[in-house]
Amino acid sequence: MAQRTNRMFTLASRPKGMPQESDFKLVEAPVPEPADGQCVVKALYVSVDPYMRGRISEAKSYAAPVEIGGVMVGGVVGEVVESKNPRFAVGDIVQGEFGWQEYALTDGRGVRKIDPTIAPISTAIGVLGMPGLTAYFGLLDIGQPKEGETVVVSGAAGAVGSIVGQIAKIKGCRAVGIAGTDEKCKYLVDELGFDAAFNYKTTDNNVEKLKELCPQGIDVYFDNVGGEITDAVIPLLNVKARMSICGQISQYNLQKQETGPRWLWALIVKQARAEGFLVFQFADKFQQGAVEMAGWIKDGKLKFREDIVEGFENLPKAFIGMLQGDNTGKRLVKV
């Protein structure tokens, strides 16, 4: 077979504050030949997600940072184009953590086959992949919503938040979203069925706005954002409220840490619980979650939007834009 060229983005420098396109470098190398037990996957869709910001900083976290010169991490849906692994045939559609590259060599560990007849293949890195499962387990296992309760979601128009609010509705709750544009708020209410949503960028007083939209107080808070938005939620928590801490995107690009109100005392008064989580802790239940969500999609109870950027070379731009909140729904790059 003629030698193919692999394009990949490596980390050129650790960003200071908001990443720049110059922090990533597009490099080319020959596609390696598969040995026994290996296969080559050609990328079709590449995911960009908020967690990647942490992976390109030196701060100690739950996973090792990407090395300078290393291929940028990320979930990929692709097609097997060469195989010496009996589990995978040429033409199989698969999902794996192959990173920002057009071709990946894999031994098949951590790679799952995707059935293109169930849903569009892109959903394997969206609503039926890591973001959707984050919403599912973060709300149901950590937040534990009960019928009639009020669930507030920050970053509500993103890949995770937009699913959280809809699952809250499926479970009989009142869903209130917080987002950064009027268009996003309209999308949440008119298309996804949230009970209410507000634009924090044009709201003078977030606490008063939440009081108005959550007359019965807040029972579950799903936090994707942190910072001032979370500070505004705390005074309205009900007794025995649960906070599911998924992300803190307002803090990821700060060069100097913000000082905020010290509100842990509120958890004592309200006998409330704040719990952080990583989706991987639910890995043994992923299949069950994906099956239930696929059923909801089929029944029209769960809608999703994909914000697709065309062109492999646009990966850094798509990633930076997502960190700045210019996406609605799950942002993907179509290779």
C-alpha atoms as a PDB file:
ATOM      1  CA  MET A   1       0.000   0.000   0.000  1.00  0.00           C
ATOM      2  CA  ALA A   2       1.287   3.490  -0.852  1.00  0.00           C
ATOM      3  CA  GLN A   3       2.735   5.291   2.153  1.00  0.00           C
ATOM      4  CA  ARG A   4       0.177   7.698   3.638  1.00  0.00           C
ATOM      5  CA  THR A   5       1.012  10.929   5.446  1.00  0.00           C
ATOM      6  CA  ASN A   6      -0.372  11.548   8.923  1.00  0.00           C
ATOM      7  CA  ARG A   7      -1.126  15.117   9.980  1.00  0.00           C
ATOM      8  CA  MET A   8      -1.223  15.753  13.728  1.00  0.00           C
ATOM      9  CA  PHE A   9      -1.321  18.647  16.152  1.00  0.00           C
ATOM     10  CA  THR A  10       1.322  18.612  18.874  1.00  0.00           C
ATOM     11  CA  LEU A  11       1.584  20.908  21.885  1.00  0.00           C
ATOM     12  CA  ALA A  12       4.104  23.639  21.017  1.00  0.00           C
ATOM     13  CA  SER A  13       3.931  25.603  24.290  1.00  0.00           C
ATOM     14  CA  ARG A  14       1.953  25.691  27.527  1.00  0.00           C
ATOM     15  CA  PRO A  15      -0.688  28.429  27.273  1.00  0.00           C
ATOM     16  CA  LYS A  16      -0.632  31.412  29.578  1.00  0.00           C
ATOM     17  CA  GLY A  17      -4.299  32.269  30.098  1.00  0.00           C
ATOM     18  CA  MET A  18      -6.542  31.604  27.080  1.00  0.00           C
ATOM     19  CA  PRO A  19      -4.765  29.251  24.618  1.00  0.00           C
ATOM     20  CA  GLN A  20      -3.555  30.701  21.303  1.00  0.00           C
ATOM     21  CA  GLU A  21      -3.382  28.883  17.977  1.00  0.00           C
ATOM     22  CA  SER A  22       0.418  29.256  18.205  1.00  0.00           C
ATOM     23  CA  ASP A  23       0.394  26.927  21.251  1.00  0.00           C
ATOM     24  CA  PHE A  24      -0.245  24.056  18.804  1.00  0.00           C
ATOM     25  CA  LYS A  25       1.913  22.876  15.913  1.00  0.00           C
ATOM     26  CA  LEU A  26       0.730  21.011  12.817  1.00  0.00           C
ATOM     27  CA  VAL A  27       3.273  18.308  11.961  1.00  0.00           C
ATOM     28  CA  GLU A  28       3.398  15.547   9.347  1.00  0.00           C
ATOM     29  CA  ALA A  29       4.815  12.025   9.557  1.00  0.00           C
ATOM     30  CA  PRO A  30       4.335   8.758   7.664  1.00  0.00           C
ATOM     31  CA  VAL A  31       1.438   6.583   8.855  1.00  0.00           C
ATOM     32  CA  PRO A  32       3.018   3.594  10.640  1.00  0.00           C
ATOM     33  CA  GLU A  33       2.403   0.057   9.388  1.00  0.00           C
ATOM     34  CA  PRO A  34       0.341  -2.139  11.736  1.00  0.00           C
ATOM     35  CA  ALA A  35       2.091  -5.090  13.392  1.00  0.00           C
ATOM     36  CA  ASP A  36       0.238  -8.263  14.446  1.00  0.00           C
ATOM     37  CA  GLY A  37      -2.643  -7.332  16.777  1.00  0.00           C
ATOM     38  CA  GLN A  38      -2.731  -3.718  15.598  1.00  0.00           C
ATOM     39  CA  CYS A  39      -4.890  -1.681  13.252  1.00  0.00           C
ATOM     40  CA  VAL A  40      -4.821   1.768  11.665  1.00  0.00           C
ATOM     41  CA  VAL A  41      -7.817   4.065  12.194  1.00  0.00           C
ATOM     42  CA  LYS A  42      -8.546   7.070   9.981  1.00  0.00           C
ATOM     43  CA  ALA A  43     -10.201   9.906  11.921  1.00  0.00           C
ATOM     44  CA  LEU A  44     -13.642  11.079  10.762  1.00  0.00           C
ATOM     45  CA  TYR A  45     -14.632  13.284  13.730  1.00  0.00           C
ATOM     46  CA  VAL A  46     -12.441  14.707  16.506  1.00  0.00           C
ATOM     47  CA  SER A  47     -13.818  16.018  19.786  1.00  0.00           C
ATOM     48  CA  VAL A  48     -12.848  19.271  21.497  1.00  0.00           C
ATOM     49  CA  ASP A  49     -13.785  19.464  25.185  1.00  0.00           C
ATOM     50  CA  PRO A  50     -13.205  21.752  28.193  1.00  0.00           C
ATOM     51  CA  TYR A  51     -11.163  19.097  30.082  1.00  0.00           C
ATOM     52  CA  MET A  52      -8.416  19.452  27.444  1.00  0.00           C
ATOM     53  CA  ARG A  53      -7.481  22.852  28.899  1.00  0.00           C
ATOM     54  CA  GLY A  54      -6.319  21.124  32.084  1.00  0.00           C
ATOM     55  CA  ARG A  55      -4.334  18.570  30.105  1.00  0.00           C
ATOM     56  CA  ILE A  56      -2.143  21.261  28.503  1.00  0.00           C
ATOM     57  CA  SER A  57      -1.230  22.969  31.776  1.00  0.00           C
ATOM     58  CA  GLU A  58       1.431  21.736  34.186  1.00  0.00           C
ATOM     59  CA  ALA A  59      -0.955  21.751  37.143  1.00  0.00           C
ATOM     60  CA  LYS A  60      -1.243  18.398  38.904  1.00  0.00           C
ATOM     61  CA  SER A  61      -4.527  16.742  37.962  1.00  0.00           C
ATOM     62  CA  TYR A  62      -6.238  13.368  37.546  1.00  0.00           C
ATOM     63  CA  ALA A  63      -4.273  12.664  34.331  1.00  0.00           C
ATOM     64  CA  ALA A  64      -0.728  13.425  33.199  1.00  0.00           C
ATOM     65  CA  PRO A  65      -0.368  16.597  31.124  1.00  0.00           C
ATOM     66  CA  VAL A  66       0.385  16.429  27.409  1.00  0.00           C
ATOM     67  CA  GLU A  67       4.159  16.714  26.950  1.00  0.00           C
ATOM     68  CA  ILE A  68       5.558  19.565  24.851  1.00  0.00           C
ATOM     69  CA  GLY A  69       5.881  18.015  21.395  1.00  0.00           C
ATOM     70  CA  GLY A  70       3.313  15.344  22.262  1.00  0.00           C
ATOM     71  CA  VAL A  71       0.153  14.745  20.215  1.00  0.00           C
ATOM     72  CA  MET A  72      -2.831  16.609  21.654  1.00  0.00           C
ATOM     73  CA  VAL A  73      -5.324  14.326  23.442  1.00  0.00           C
ATOM     74  CA  GLY A  74      -8.941  13.813  22.418  1.00  0.00           C
ATOM     75  CA  GLY A  75     -11.740  11.420  21.567  1.00  0.00           C
ATOM     76  CA  VAL A  76     -12.103  10.368  17.935  1.00  0.00           C
ATOM     77  CA  VAL A  77     -14.605   8.483  15.779  1.00  0.00           C
ATOM     78  CA  GLY A  78     -12.885   6.856  12.832  1.00  0.00           C
ATOM     79  CA  GLU A  79     -12.812   4.050  10.318  1.00  0.00           C
ATOM     80  CA  VAL A  80     -10.455   1.069  10.383  1.00  0.00           C
ATOM     81  CA  VAL A  81      -8.409   1.278   7.158  1.00  0.00           C
ATOM     82  CA  GLU A  82      -5.855  -1.485   7.855  1.00  0.00           C
ATOM     83  CA  SER A  83      -6.130  -4.337  10.344  1.00  0.00           C
ATOM     84  CA  LYS A  84      -3.998  -7.137  11.720  1.00  0.00           C
ATOM     85  CA  ASN A  85      -6.272  -7.437  14.746  1.00  0.00           C
ATOM     86  CA  PRO A  86      -8.964 -10.167  14.572  1.00  0.00           C
ATOM     87  CA  ARG A  87     -11.398  -7.992  16.575  1.00  0.00           C
ATOM     88  CA  PHE A  88     -11.522  -5.267  13.918  1.00  0.00           C
ATOM     89  CA  ALA A  89     -12.183  -5.496  10.186  1.00  0.00           C
ATOM     90  CA  VAL A  90     -11.385  -2.891   7.559  1.00  0.00           C
ATOM     91  CA  GLY A  91     -14.440  -0.636   7.311  1.00  0.00           C
ATOM     92  CA  ASP A  92     -15.415  -0.935  11.007  1.00  0.00           C
ATOM     93  CA  ILE A  93     -16.402   2.379  12.616  1.00  0.00           C
ATOM     94  CA  VAL A  94     -14.736   2.748  16.023  1.00  0.00           C
ATOM     95  CA  GLN A  95     -14.306   5.227  18.843  1.00  0.00           C
ATOM     96  CA  GLY A  96     -11.148   5.703  20.871  1.00  0.00           C
ATOM     97  CA  GLU A  97      -8.861   8.257  22.524  1.00  0.00           C
ATOM     98  CA  PHE A  98      -6.666   8.688  19.451  1.00  0.00           C
ATOM     99  CA  GLY A  99      -5.914  12.409  19.876  1.00  0.00           C
ATOM    100  CA  TRP A 100      -5.624  15.178  17.311  1.00  0.00           C
ATOM    101  CA  GLN A 101      -4.298  13.180  14.376  1.00  0.00           C
ATOM    102  CA  GLU A 102      -5.675  11.940  11.068  1.00  0.00           C
ATOM    103  CA  TYR A 103      -4.419   8.361  11.450  1.00  0.00           C
ATOM    104  CA  ALA A 104      -3.865   6.392  14.652  1.00  0.00           C
ATOM    105  CA  LEU A 105      -2.154   3.063  15.275  1.00  0.00           C
ATOM    106  CA  THR A 106      -3.894   1.034  18.003  1.00  0.00           C
ATOM    107  CA  ASP A 107      -3.811  -2.424  19.557  1.00  0.00           C
ATOM    108  CA  GLY A 108      -7.560  -2.137  20.188  1.00  0.00           C
ATOM    109  CA  ARG A 109      -7.417  -1.559  23.938  1.00  0.00           C
ATOM    110  CA  GLY A 110     -10.009   1.015  25.006  1.00  0.00           C
ATOM    111  CA  VAL A 111     -11.481   1.040  21.489  1.00  0.00           C
ATOM    112  CA  ARG A 112     -15.183   0.317  20.960  1.00  0.00           C
ATOM    113  CA  LYS A 113     -17.049  -0.525  17.770  1.00  0.00           C
ATOM    114  CA  ILE A 114     -19.854   1.837  16.791  1.00  0.00           C
ATOM    115  CA  ASP A 115     -23.058   0.664  15.147  1.00  0.00           C
ATOM    116  CA  PRO A 116     -23.880   3.330  12.518  1.00  0.00           C
ATOM    117  CA  THR A 117     -27.500   2.120  12.322  1.00  0.00           C
ATOM    118  CA  ILE A 118     -28.329   3.192  15.910  1.00  0.00           C
ATOM    119  CA  ALA A 119     -27.444   6.896  15.654  1.00  0.00           C
ATOM    120  CA  PRO A 120     -25.131   9.163  13.625  1.00  0.00           C
ATOM    121  CA  ILE A 121     -21.544   8.025  14.278  1.00  0.00           C
ATOM    122  CA  SER A 122     -20.566  11.477  15.567  1.00  0.00           C
ATOM    123  CA  THR A 123     -22.772  10.894  18.642  1.00  0.00           C
ATOM    124  CA  ALA A 124     -20.154   8.390  19.917  1.00  0.00           C
ATOM    125  CA  ILE A 125     -18.076  11.388  21.068  1.00  0.00           C
ATOM    126  CA  GLY A 126     -21.130  13.485  21.947  1.00  0.00           C
ATOM    127  CA  VAL A 127     -24.522  12.626  23.372  1.00  0.00           C
ATOM    128  CA  LEU A 128     -23.813   8.849  23.412  1.00  0.00           C
ATOM    129  CA  GLY A 129     -20.161   9.293  24.389  1.00  0.00           C
ATOM    130  CA  MET A 130     -18.174  10.981  27.138  1.00  0.00           C
ATOM    131  CA  PRO A 131     -20.179  14.267  27.315  1.00  0.00           C
ATOM    132  CA  GLY A 132     -23.577  12.521  27.368  1.00  0.00           C
ATOM    133  CA  LEU A 133     -22.429   9.989  29.950  1.00  0.00           C
ATOM    134  CA  THR A 134     -20.989  12.833  32.064  1.00  0.00           C
ATOM    135  CA  ALA A 135     -24.440  14.443  32.082  1.00  0.00           C
ATOM    136  CA  TYR A 136     -26.216  11.143  32.775  1.00  0.00           C
ATOM    137  CA  PHE A 137     -24.134   9.939  35.720  1.00  0.00           C
ATOM    138  CA  GLY A 138     -23.296  13.385  37.055  1.00  0.00           C
ATOM    139  CA  LEU A 139     -26.975  14.220  37.377  1.00  0.00           C
ATOM    140  CA  LEU A 140     -28.518  10.844  38.228  1.00  0.00           C
ATOM    141  CA  ASP A 141     -25.811   9.290  40.450  1.00  0.00           C
ATOM    142  CA  ILE A 142     -24.298  12.424  42.030  1.00  0.00           C
ATOM    143  CA  GLY A 143     -27.248  14.871  41.889  1.00  0.00           C
ATOM    144  CA  GLN A 144     -29.943  12.239  42.565  1.00  0.00           C
ATOM    145  CA  PRO A 145     -32.890  14.382  41.413  1.00  0.00           C
ATOM    146  CA  LYS A 146     -36.372  13.502  42.637  1.00  0.00           C
ATOM    147  CA  GLU A 147     -39.634  14.275  40.871  1.00  0.00           C
ATOM    148  CA  GLY A 148     -40.838  17.834  41.526  1.00  0.00           C
ATOM    149  CA  GLU A 149     -37.411  19.178  42.495  1.00  0.00           C
ATOM    150  CA  THR A 150     -35.678  22.168  40.907  1.00  0.00           C
ATOM    151  CA  VAL A 151     -32.449  21.489  38.992  1.00  0.00           C
ATOM    152  CA  VAL A 152     -30.194  24.399  37.974  1.00  0.00           C
ATOM    153  CA  VAL A 153     -27.502  23.883  35.332  1.00  0.00           C
ATOM    154  CA  SER A 154     -24.647  26.281  34.543  1.00  0.00           C
ATOM    155  CA  GLY A 155     -23.062  26.147  31.087  1.00  0.00           C
ATOM    156  CA  ALA A 156     -26.491  24.868  30.114  1.00  0.00           C
ATOM    157  CA  ALA A 157     -26.162  25.184  26.326  1.00  0.00           C
ATOM    158  CA  GLY A 158     -22.939  23.180  26.101  1.00  0.00           C
ATOM    159  CA  ALA A 159     -22.450  19.507  25.293  1.00  0.00           C
ATOM    160  CA  VAL A 160     -23.014  18.371  28.897  1.00  0.00           C
ATOM    161  CA  GLY A 161     -25.367  21.018  30.281  1.00  0.00           C
ATOM    162  CA  SER A 162     -27.899  20.740  27.435  1.00  0.00           C
ATOM    163  CA  ILE A 163     -28.287  17.015  28.186  1.00  0.00           C
ATOM    164  CA  VAL A 164     -28.460  17.512  31.980  1.00  0.00           C
ATOM    165  CA  GLY A 165     -31.492  19.787  31.749  1.00  0.00           C
ATOM    166  CA  GLN A 166     -33.345  17.394  29.465  1.00  0.00           C
ATOM    167  CA  ILE A 167     -32.666  14.402  31.730  1.00  0.00           C
ATOM    168  CA  ALA A 168     -33.945  16.505  34.650  1.00  0.00           C
ATOM    169  CA  LYS A 169     -37.188  17.038  32.687  1.00  0.00           C
ATOM    170  CA  ILE A 170     -37.434  13.308  31.859  1.00  0.00           C
ATOM    171  CA  LYS A 171     -37.214  12.674  35.624  1.00  0.00           C
ATOM    172  CA  GLY A 172     -40.065  15.098  36.343  1.00  0.00           C
ATOM    173  CA  CYS A 173     -38.017  18.044  37.638  1.00  0.00           C
ATOM    174  CA  ARG A 174     -38.094  21.770  36.963  1.00  0.00           C
ATOM    175  CA  ALA A 175     -35.008  22.613  34.849  1.00  0.00           C
ATOM    176  CA  VAL A 176     -33.417  26.072  34.893  1.00  0.00           C
ATOM    177  CA  GLY A 177     -30.442  26.850  32.654  1.00  0.00           C
ATOM    178  CA  ILE A 178     -27.754  29.513  32.852  1.00  0.00           C
ATOM    179  CA  ALA A 179     -26.026  30.429  29.563  1.00  0.00           C
ATOM    180  CA  GLY A 180     -24.083  33.279  27.952  1.00  0.00           C
ATOM    181  CA  THR A 181     -26.300  34.526  25.089  1.00  0.00           C
ATOM    182  CA  ASP A 182     -29.992  35.234  24.560  1.00  0.00           C
ATOM    183  CA  GLU A 183     -29.962  32.822  21.584  1.00  0.00           C
ATOM    184  CA  LYS A 184     -28.703  30.005  23.795  1.00  0.00           C
ATOM    185  CA  CYS A 185     -31.391  30.711  26.401  1.00  0.00           C
ATOM    186  CA  LYS A 186     -34.085  30.691  23.708  1.00  0.00           C
ATOM    187  CA  TYR A 187     -32.725  27.360  22.403  1.00  0.00           C
ATOM    188  CA  LEU A 188     -32.838  25.841  25.912  1.00  0.00           C
ATOM    189  CA  VAL A 189     -36.460  26.812  26.524  1.00  0.00           C
ATOM    190  CA  ASP A 190     -37.992  26.615  23.029  1.00  0.00           C
ATOM    191  CA  GLU A 191     -36.159  23.576  21.645  1.00  0.00           C
ATOM    192  CA  LEU A 192     -34.960  21.548  24.626  1.00  0.00           C
ATOM    193  CA  GLY A 193     -37.902  22.138  26.958  1.00  0.00           C
ATOM    194  CA  PHE A 194     -36.124  23.793  29.922  1.00  0.00           C
ATOM    195  CA  ASP A 195     -38.644  25.590  32.162  1.00  0.00           C
ATOM    196  CA  ALA A 196     -36.535  28.745  32.228  1.00  0.00           C
ATOM    197  CA  ALA A 197     -33.099  30.077  31.309  1.00  0.00           C
ATOM    198  CA  PHE A 198     -31.249  33.367  31.692  1.00  0.00           C
ATOM    199  CA  ASN A 199     -28.223  35.102  30.198  1.00  0.00           C
ATOM    200  CA  TYR A 200     -25.764  35.759  33.028  1.00  0.00           C
ATOM    201  CA  LYS A 201     -23.845  38.268  30.879  1.00  0.00           C
ATOM    202  CA  THR A 202     -26.807  40.662  30.684  1.00  0.00           C
ATOM    203  CA  THR A 203     -28.204  40.004  34.187  1.00  0.00           C
ATOM    204  CA  ASP A 204     -27.405  42.612  36.841  1.00  0.00           C
ATOM    205  CA  ASN A 205     -28.038  40.389  39.834  1.00  0.00           C
ATOM    206  CA  ASN A 206     -27.759  36.626  39.391  1.00  0.00           C
ATOM    207  CA  VAL A 207     -29.108  35.874  42.886  1.00  0.00           C
ATOM    208  CA  GLU A 208     -32.289  37.894  42.296  1.00  0.00           C
ATOM    209  CA  LYS A 209     -32.753  36.323  38.857  1.00  0.00           C
ATOM    210  CA  LEU A 210     -32.390  32.802  40.289  1.00  0.00           C
ATOM    211  CA  LYS A 211     -34.859  33.682  43.071  1.00  0.00           C
ATOM    212  CA  GLU A 212     -37.371  34.718  40.424  1.00  0.00           C
ATOM    213  CA  LEU A 213     -36.859  31.571  38.304  1.00  0.00           C
ATOM    214  CA  CYS A 214     -36.591  29.147  41.253  1.00  0.00           C
ATOM    215  CA  PRO A 215     -39.433  30.179  43.589  1.00  0.00           C
ATOM    216  CA  GLN A 216     -39.151  26.847  45.443  1.00  0.00           C
ATOM    217  CA  GLY A 217     -35.380  27.172  45.903  1.00  0.00           C
ATOM    218  CA  ILE A 218     -32.709  24.908  44.346  1.00  0.00           C
ATOM    219  CA  ASP A 219     -32.490  21.174  45.093  1.00  0.00           C
ATOM    220  CA  VAL A 220     -29.813  20.119  42.601  1.00  0.00           C
ATOM    221  CA  TYR A 221     -27.108  22.299  41.090  1.00  0.00           C
ATOM    222  CA  PHE A 222     -25.083  20.871  38.192  1.00  0.00           C
ATOM    223  CA  ASP A 223     -21.978  23.038  37.984  1.00  0.00           C
ATOM    224  CA  ASN A 224     -19.992  23.333  34.761  1.00  0.00           C
ATOM    225  CA  VAL A 225     -18.778  26.875  35.324  1.00  0.00           C
ATOM    226  CA  GLY A 226     -17.846  27.777  38.932  1.00  0.00           C
ATOM    227  CA  GLY A 227     -16.921  31.329  39.943  1.00  0.00           C
ATOM    228  CA  GLU A 228     -19.550  34.037  40.392  1.00  0.00           C
ATOM    229  CA  ILE A 229     -22.366  31.886  38.993  1.00  0.00           C
ATOM    230  CA  THR A 230     -21.853  29.221  41.641  1.00  0.00           C
ATOM    231  CA  ASP A 231     -21.588  31.944  44.307  1.00  0.00           C
ATOM    232  CA  ALA A 232     -25.074  33.112  43.261  1.00  0.00           C
ATOM    233  CA  VAL A 233     -26.586  29.621  43.542  1.00  0.00           C
ATOM    234  CA  ILE A 234     -25.426  28.917  47.108  1.00  0.00           C
ATOM    235  CA  PRO A 235     -27.834  31.237  49.012  1.00  0.00           C
ATOM    236  CA  LEU A 236     -30.822  29.578  47.297  1.00  0.00           C
ATOM    237  CA  LEU A 237     -29.974  25.955  48.087  1.00  0.00           C
ATOM    238  CA  ASN A 238     -32.709  24.028  49.857  1.00  0.00           C
ATOM    239  CA  VAL A 239     -32.118  21.807  52.869  1.00  0.00           C
ATOM    240  CA  LYS A 240     -30.435  18.557  51.739  1.00  0.00           C
ATOM    241  CA  ALA A 241     -29.538  20.050  48.330  1.00  0.00           C
ATOM    242  CA  ARG A 242     -26.931  18.310  46.165  1.00  0.00           C
ATOM    243  CA  MET A 243     -24.252  20.015  44.058  1.00  0.00           C
ATOM    244  CA  SER A 244     -22.701  17.971  41.265  1.00  0.00           C
ATOM    245  CA  ILE A 245     -19.344  19.583  40.443  1.00  0.00           C
ATOM    246  CA  CYS A 246     -18.509  18.699  36.850  1.00  0.00           C
ATOM    247  CA  GLY A 247     -16.391  21.600  35.564  1.00  0.00           C
ATOM    248  CA  GLN A 248     -15.141  25.101  36.387  1.00  0.00           C
ATOM    249  CA  ILE A 249     -14.682  26.595  32.940  1.00  0.00           C
ATOM    250  CA  SER A 250     -14.764  30.174  34.275  1.00  0.00           C
ATOM    251  CA  GLN A 251     -11.492  29.416  36.085  1.00  0.00           C
ATOM    252  CA  TYR A 252      -9.514  27.431  33.516  1.00  0.00           C
ATOM    253  CA  ASN A 253      -7.782  30.348  31.778  1.00  0.00           C
ATOM    254  CA  LEU A 254      -7.253  32.695  34.729  1.00  0.00           C
ATOM    255  CA  GLN A 255      -3.638  33.696  35.222  1.00  0.00           C
ATOM    256  CA  LYS A 256      -4.383  34.968  38.723  1.00  0.00           C
ATOM    257  CA  GLN A 257      -6.792  33.042  40.940  1.00  0.00           C
ATOM    258  CA  GLU A 258     -10.016  34.891  41.788  1.00  0.00           C
ATOM    259  CA  THR A 259     -10.957  35.347  45.423  1.00  0.00           C
ATOM    260  CA  GLY A 260     -14.621  34.632  46.001  1.00  0.00           C
ATOM    261  CA  PRO A 261     -17.072  34.439  48.893  1.00  0.00           C
ATOM    262  CA  ARG A 262     -16.322  31.712  51.405  1.00  0.00           C
ATOM    263  CA  TRP A 263     -19.548  29.732  51.311  1.00  0.00           C
ATOM    264  CA  LEU A 264     -18.799  26.310  52.768  1.00  0.00           C
ATOM    265  CA  TRP A 265     -20.690  27.355  55.907  1.00  0.00           C
ATOM    266  CA  ALA A 266     -23.873  27.363  53.773  1.00  0.00           C
ATOM    267  CA  LEU A 267     -23.475  23.612  53.286  1.00  0.00           C
ATOM    268  CA  ILE A 268     -23.637  23.181  57.071  1.00  0.00           C
ATOM    269  CA  VAL A 269     -26.747  25.316  57.478  1.00  0.00           C
ATOM    270  CA  LYS A 270     -28.490  23.599  54.551  1.00  0.00           C
ATOM    271  CA  GLN A 271     -27.093  20.111  55.334  1.00  0.00           C
ATOM    272  CA  ALA A 272     -26.179  20.158  51.648  1.00  0.00           C
ATOM    273  CA  ARG A 273     -23.616  18.119  49.738  1.00  0.00           C
ATOM    274  CA  ALA A 274     -21.125  19.195  47.051  1.00  0.00           C
ATOM    275  CA  GLU A 275     -19.425  16.332  45.234  1.00  0.00           C
ATOM    276  CA  GLY A 276     -16.925  16.450  42.404  1.00  0.00           C
ATOM    277  CA  PHE A 277     -16.739  13.566  39.946  1.00  0.00           C
ATOM    278  CA  LEU A 278     -14.974  12.207  36.873  1.00  0.00           C
ATOM    279  CA  VAL A 279     -17.053  10.294  34.357  1.00  0.00           C
ATOM    280  CA  PHE A 280     -14.512   7.437  34.321  1.00  0.00           C
ATOM    281  CA  GLN A 281     -15.561   6.407  37.841  1.00  0.00           C
ATOM    282  CA  PHE A 282     -18.779   5.093  36.239  1.00  0.00           C
ATOM    283  CA  ALA A 283     -17.001   3.135  33.478  1.00  0.00           C
ATOM    284  CA  ASP A 284     -18.567  -0.186  34.503  1.00  0.00           C
ATOM    285  CA  LYS A 285     -22.023   1.322  33.822  1.00  0.00           C
ATOM    286  CA  PHE A 286     -21.304   3.186  30.560  1.00  0.00           C
ATOM    287  CA  GLN A 287     -23.143   0.640  28.421  1.00  0.00           C
ATOM    288  CA  GLN A 288     -26.288   0.863  30.539  1.00  0.00           C
ATOM    289  CA  GLY A 289     -26.263   4.687  30.379  1.00  0.00           C
ATOM    290  CA  ALA A 290     -25.702   4.818  26.621  1.00  0.00           C
ATOM    291  CA  VAL A 291     -28.502   2.314  25.966  1.00  0.00           C
ATOM    292  CA  GLU A 292     -30.998   4.284  28.069  1.00  0.00           C
ATOM    293  CA  MET A 293     -30.054   7.567  26.380  1.00  0.00           C
ATOM    294  CA  ALA A 294     -30.274   6.016  22.898  1.00  0.00           C
ATOM    295  CA  GLY A 295     -33.821   4.962  23.843  1.00  0.00           C
ATOM    296  CA  TRP A 296     -34.688   8.519  24.911  1.00  0.00           C
ATOM    297  CA  ILE A 297     -33.347   9.882  21.601  1.00  0.00           C
ATOM    298  CA  LYS A 298     -35.396   7.326  19.664  1.00  0.00           C
ATOM    299  CA  ASP A 299     -38.523   8.286  21.641  1.00  0.00           C
ATOM    300  CA  GLY A 300     -37.935  11.993  20.960  1.00  0.00           C
ATOM    301  CA  LYS A 301     -37.406  12.765  24.663  1.00  0.00           C
ATOM    302  CA  LEU A 302     -33.743  13.727  24.296  1.00  0.00           C
ATOM    303  CA  LYS A 303     -32.553  16.156  21.626  1.00  0.00           C
ATOM    304  CA  PHE A 304     -28.994  17.071  20.812  1.00  0.00           C
ATOM    305  CA  ARG A 305     -27.216  19.610  18.679  1.00  0.00           C
ATOM    306  CA  GLU A 306     -23.794  19.191  17.148  1.00  0.00           C
ATOM    307  CA  ASP A 307     -21.703  22.261  16.442  1.00  0.00           C
ATOM    308  CA  ILE A 308     -19.499  20.926  13.632  1.00  0.00           C
ATOM    309  CA  VAL A 309     -16.387  22.749  12.417  1.00  0.00           C
ATOM    310  CA  GLU A 310     -15.133  21.512   9.032  1.00  0.00           C
ATOM    311  CA  GLY A 311     -11.459  20.758   8.443  1.00  0.00           C
ATOM    312  CA  PHE A 312      -8.750  19.045  10.488  1.00  0.00           C
ATOM    313  CA  GLU A 313      -6.552  22.157  10.278  1.00  0.00           C
ATOM    314  CA  ASN A 314      -9.197  24.113  12.242  1.00  0.00           C
ATOM    315  CA  LEU A 315      -8.874  22.012  15.424  1.00  0.00           C
ATOM    316  CA  PRO A 316      -7.023  24.651  17.523  1.00  0.00           C
ATOM    317  CA  LYS A 317      -9.453  27.389  16.444  1.00  0.00           C
ATOM    318  CA  ALA A 318     -12.455  25.149  17.236  1.00  0.00           C
ATOM    319  CA  PHE A 319     -11.004  24.308  20.682  1.00  0.00           C
ATOM    320  CA  ILE A 320     -10.284  27.928  21.622  1.00  0.00           C
ATOM    321  CA  GLY A 321     -13.735  29.022  20.420  1.00  0.00           C
ATOM    322  CA  MET A 322     -15.354  26.336  22.576  1.00  0.00           C
ATOM    323  CA  LEU A 323     -13.457  27.630  25.648  1.00  0.00           C
ATOM    324  CA  GLN A 324     -14.820  31.103  24.833  1.00  0.00           C
ATOM    325  CA  GLY A 325     -18.381  29.728  24.665  1.00  0.00           C
ATOM    326  CA  ASP A 326     -19.075  30.267  20.971  1.00  0.00           C
ATOM    327  CA  ASN A 327     -20.621  26.793  20.535  1.00  0.00           C
ATOM    328  CA  THR A 328     -24.160  25.586  21.207  1.00  0.00           C
ATOM    329  CA  GLY A 329     -24.293  21.864  21.911  1.00  0.00           C
ATOM    330  CA  LYS A 330     -21.383  19.492  21.302  1.00  0.00           C
ATOM    331  CA  ARG A 331     -18.488  20.921  19.336  1.00  0.00           C
ATOM    332  CA  LEU A 332     -16.763  18.507  16.932  1.00  0.00           C
ATOM    333  CA  VAL A 333     -14.311  18.843  14.093  1.00  0.00           C
ATOM    334  CA  LYS A 334     -15.115  16.928  10.914  1.00  0.00           C
ATOM    335  CA  VAL A 335     -11.813  15.800   9.447  1.00  0.00           C
END
